[in-house]
Amino acid sequence: MAQNDLVVAGIDVAKDKVDVCIRSLSLKRTCLQARPKTGVELASWLRRNKVGKAVMEASGGYEREWAKALRWAGKIEVRIVDPKRVRSFAQSAGRRPRTTRSMPR
């Protein structure tokens, strides 16, 4: 599969929910319960949308179980990335990184 054909999902893992975005397909999904069954359901949804790779920021360890579940259930390549590198990349691309401090109230 050529790199241009690769569908990538961005996953934001928090203590009590997981947000998923497939930007190239304009799809979003939120999982409000963090339990193993939800990981299997999420992997199934990602496979149906032909996702080959999922990327998530390291977030205090919450991401580890989700990465493990997606790798096992969906045979999806999962990358856990350093949040500082993600912000640096966004800045180098001319984008303002979204943080709770920069969000309008």
C-alpha atoms as a PDB file:
ATOM      1  CA  MET A   1       0.000   0.000   0.000  1.00  0.00           C
ATOM      2  CA  ALA A   2       1.417   3.391  -0.929  1.00  0.00           C
ATOM      3  CA  GLN A   3       1.912   5.905   1.865  1.00  0.00           C
ATOM      4  CA  ASN A   4      -0.656   8.246   0.260  1.00  0.00           C
ATOM      5  CA  ASP A   5      -3.329   5.543   0.565  1.00  0.00           C
ATOM      6  CA  LEU A   6      -2.718   5.036   4.274  1.00  0.00           C
ATOM      7  CA  VAL A   7      -5.660   6.102   6.441  1.00  0.00           C
ATOM      8  CA  VAL A   8      -4.499   7.408   9.827  1.00  0.00           C
ATOM      9  CA  ALA A   9      -6.590   7.978  12.953  1.00  0.00           C
ATOM     10  CA  GLY A  10      -5.674  10.384  15.724  1.00  0.00           C
ATOM     11  CA  ILE A  11      -6.711   9.190  19.172  1.00  0.00           C
ATOM     12  CA  ASP A  12      -6.898  11.372  22.279  1.00  0.00           C
ATOM     13  CA  VAL A  13      -6.985   9.217  25.411  1.00  0.00           C
ATOM     14  CA  ALA A  14      -8.183  10.582  28.747  1.00  0.00           C
ATOM     15  CA  LYS A  15      -9.074   8.904  32.029  1.00  0.00           C
ATOM     16  CA  ASP A  16     -12.800   8.596  31.330  1.00  0.00           C
ATOM     17  CA  LYS A  17     -13.132   8.922  27.541  1.00  0.00           C
ATOM     18  CA  VAL A  18     -11.404   8.490  24.206  1.00  0.00           C
ATOM     19  CA  ASP A  19     -11.846  10.809  21.212  1.00  0.00           C
ATOM     20  CA  VAL A  20     -10.980   9.521  17.747  1.00  0.00           C
ATOM     21  CA  CYS A  21     -10.649  11.497  14.529  1.00  0.00           C
ATOM     22  CA  ILE A  22     -10.056  10.264  10.999  1.00  0.00           C
ATOM     23  CA  ARG A  23      -9.350  13.624   9.408  1.00  0.00           C
ATOM     24  CA  SER A  24      -9.029  12.376   5.823  1.00  0.00           C
ATOM     25  CA  LEU A  25     -12.578  10.975   6.030  1.00  0.00           C
ATOM     26  CA  SER A  26     -14.008  13.762   8.236  1.00  0.00           C
ATOM     27  CA  LEU A  27     -15.104  11.215  10.844  1.00  0.00           C
ATOM     28  CA  LYS A  28     -15.121  11.589  14.631  1.00  0.00           C
ATOM     29  CA  ARG A  29     -16.094   9.252  17.438  1.00  0.00           C
ATOM     30  CA  THR A  30     -16.092   9.433  21.229  1.00  0.00           C
ATOM     31  CA  CYS A  31     -15.957   6.413  23.522  1.00  0.00           C
ATOM     32  CA  LEU A  32     -17.255   7.390  26.941  1.00  0.00           C
ATOM     33  CA  GLN A  33     -16.361   4.178  28.738  1.00  0.00           C
ATOM     34  CA  ALA A  34     -12.828   2.906  29.026  1.00  0.00           C
ATOM     35  CA  ARG A  35     -13.215  -0.882  29.140  1.00  0.00           C
ATOM     36  CA  PRO A  36     -11.828  -3.744  27.068  1.00  0.00           C
ATOM     37  CA  LYS A  37     -15.071  -4.295  25.117  1.00  0.00           C
ATOM     38  CA  THR A  38     -14.955  -0.659  23.981  1.00  0.00           C
ATOM     39  CA  GLY A  39     -11.441  -1.228  22.600  1.00  0.00           C
ATOM     40  CA  VAL A  40     -12.689  -4.127  20.478  1.00  0.00           C
ATOM     41  CA  GLU A  41     -15.614  -2.032  19.210  1.00  0.00           C
ATOM     42  CA  LEU A  42     -13.295   0.863  18.397  1.00  0.00           C
ATOM     43  CA  ALA A  43     -10.899  -1.437  16.533  1.00  0.00           C
ATOM     44  CA  SER A  44     -13.818  -2.762  14.501  1.00  0.00           C
ATOM     45  CA  TRP A  45     -14.927   0.791  13.624  1.00  0.00           C
ATOM     46  CA  LEU A  46     -11.367   1.695  12.592  1.00  0.00           C
ATOM     47  CA  ARG A  47     -11.089  -1.416  10.393  1.00  0.00           C
ATOM     48  CA  ARG A  48     -14.429  -0.652   8.704  1.00  0.00           C
ATOM     49  CA  ASN A  49     -12.996   2.761   7.792  1.00  0.00           C
ATOM     50  CA  LYS A  50      -9.787   1.164   6.475  1.00  0.00           C
ATOM     51  CA  VAL A  51      -7.512   2.725   9.111  1.00  0.00           C
ATOM     52  CA  GLY A  52      -4.003   1.283   8.884  1.00  0.00           C
ATOM     53  CA  LYS A  53      -2.332   3.341  11.568  1.00  0.00           C
ATOM     54  CA  ALA A  54      -3.458   5.023  14.777  1.00  0.00           C
ATOM     55  CA  VAL A  55      -1.478   7.733  16.540  1.00  0.00           C
ATOM     56  CA  MET A  56      -1.965   8.794  20.143  1.00  0.00           C
ATOM     57  CA  GLU A  57      -0.103  11.072  22.517  1.00  0.00           C
ATOM     58  CA  ALA A  58       1.412   9.693  25.673  1.00  0.00           C
ATOM     59  CA  SER A  59      -1.055  10.716  28.374  1.00  0.00           C
ATOM     60  CA  GLY A  60       0.020   9.489  31.758  1.00  0.00           C
ATOM     61  CA  GLY A  61      -0.272   5.805  30.929  1.00  0.00           C
ATOM     62  CA  TYR A  62      -3.942   5.777  29.917  1.00  0.00           C
ATOM     63  CA  GLU A  63      -2.936   5.235  26.305  1.00  0.00           C
ATOM     64  CA  ARG A  64      -1.094   1.951  26.940  1.00  0.00           C
ATOM     65  CA  GLU A  65      -4.173  -0.252  27.414  1.00  0.00           C
ATOM     66  CA  TRP A  66      -5.896   1.298  24.381  1.00  0.00           C
ATOM     67  CA  ALA A  67      -2.818   0.755  22.215  1.00  0.00           C
ATOM     68  CA  LYS A  68      -2.624  -2.853  23.356  1.00  0.00           C
ATOM     69  CA  ALA A  69      -6.346  -3.432  22.686  1.00  0.00           C
ATOM     70  CA  LEU A  70      -6.174  -1.906  19.187  1.00  0.00           C
ATOM     71  CA  ARG A  71      -3.082  -3.870  18.249  1.00  0.00           C
ATOM     72  CA  TRP A  72      -4.616  -7.123  19.441  1.00  0.00           C
ATOM     73  CA  ALA A  73      -8.211  -6.693  18.263  1.00  0.00           C
ATOM     74  CA  GLY A  74      -7.720  -4.773  15.075  1.00  0.00           C
ATOM     75  CA  LYS A  75      -4.260  -5.632  13.846  1.00  0.00           C
ATOM     76  CA  ILE A  76      -3.790  -1.868  13.559  1.00  0.00           C
ATOM     77  CA  GLU A  77      -0.346  -0.302  13.751  1.00  0.00           C
ATOM     78  CA  VAL A  78      -0.351   1.997  16.785  1.00  0.00           C
ATOM     79  CA  ARG A  79       2.194   4.703  17.522  1.00  0.00           C
ATOM     80  CA  ILE A  80       2.436   6.509  20.847  1.00  0.00           C
ATOM     81  CA  VAL A  81       4.094   9.889  20.360  1.00  0.00           C
ATOM     82  CA  ASP A  82       5.642  12.495  22.637  1.00  0.00           C
ATOM     83  CA  PRO A  83       3.234  15.450  23.178  1.00  0.00           C
ATOM     84  CA  LYS A  84       6.101  17.973  22.968  1.00  0.00           C
ATOM     85  CA  ARG A  85       7.044  16.695  19.526  1.00  0.00           C
ATOM     86  CA  VAL A  86       3.433  16.956  18.355  1.00  0.00           C
ATOM     87  CA  ARG A  87       3.252  20.601  19.487  1.00  0.00           C
ATOM     88  CA  SER A  88       6.598  21.364  17.852  1.00  0.00           C
ATOM     89  CA  PHE A  89       5.420  19.814  14.594  1.00  0.00           C
ATOM     90  CA  ALA A  90       2.179  21.842  14.681  1.00  0.00           C
ATOM     91  CA  GLN A  91       4.148  25.034  15.264  1.00  0.00           C
ATOM     92  CA  SER A  92       6.552  24.234  12.414  1.00  0.00           C
ATOM     93  CA  ALA A  93       3.552  23.760  10.113  1.00  0.00           C
ATOM     94  CA  GLY A  94       2.231  27.194  11.108  1.00  0.00           C
ATOM     95  CA  ARG A  95      -0.605  25.847  13.237  1.00  0.00           C
ATOM     96  CA  ARG A  96      -1.383  26.992  16.705  1.00  0.00           C
ATOM     97  CA  PRO A  97      -1.451  23.976  19.010  1.00  0.00           C
ATOM     98  CA  ARG A  98      -4.741  23.494  20.830  1.00  0.00           C
ATOM     99  CA  THR A  99      -4.410  23.346  24.587  1.00  0.00           C
ATOM    100  CA  THR A 100      -6.765  24.060  27.453  1.00  0.00           C
ATOM    101  CA  ARG A 101      -4.882  27.313  28.051  1.00  0.00           C
ATOM    102  CA  SER A 102      -5.395  28.486  24.459  1.00  0.00           C
ATOM    103  CA  MET A 103      -9.067  27.531  24.276  1.00  0.00           C
ATOM    104  CA  PRO A 104     -11.549  30.418  24.344  1.00  0.00           C
ATOM    105  CA  ARG A 105     -13.829  30.449  27.352  1.00  0.00           C
END
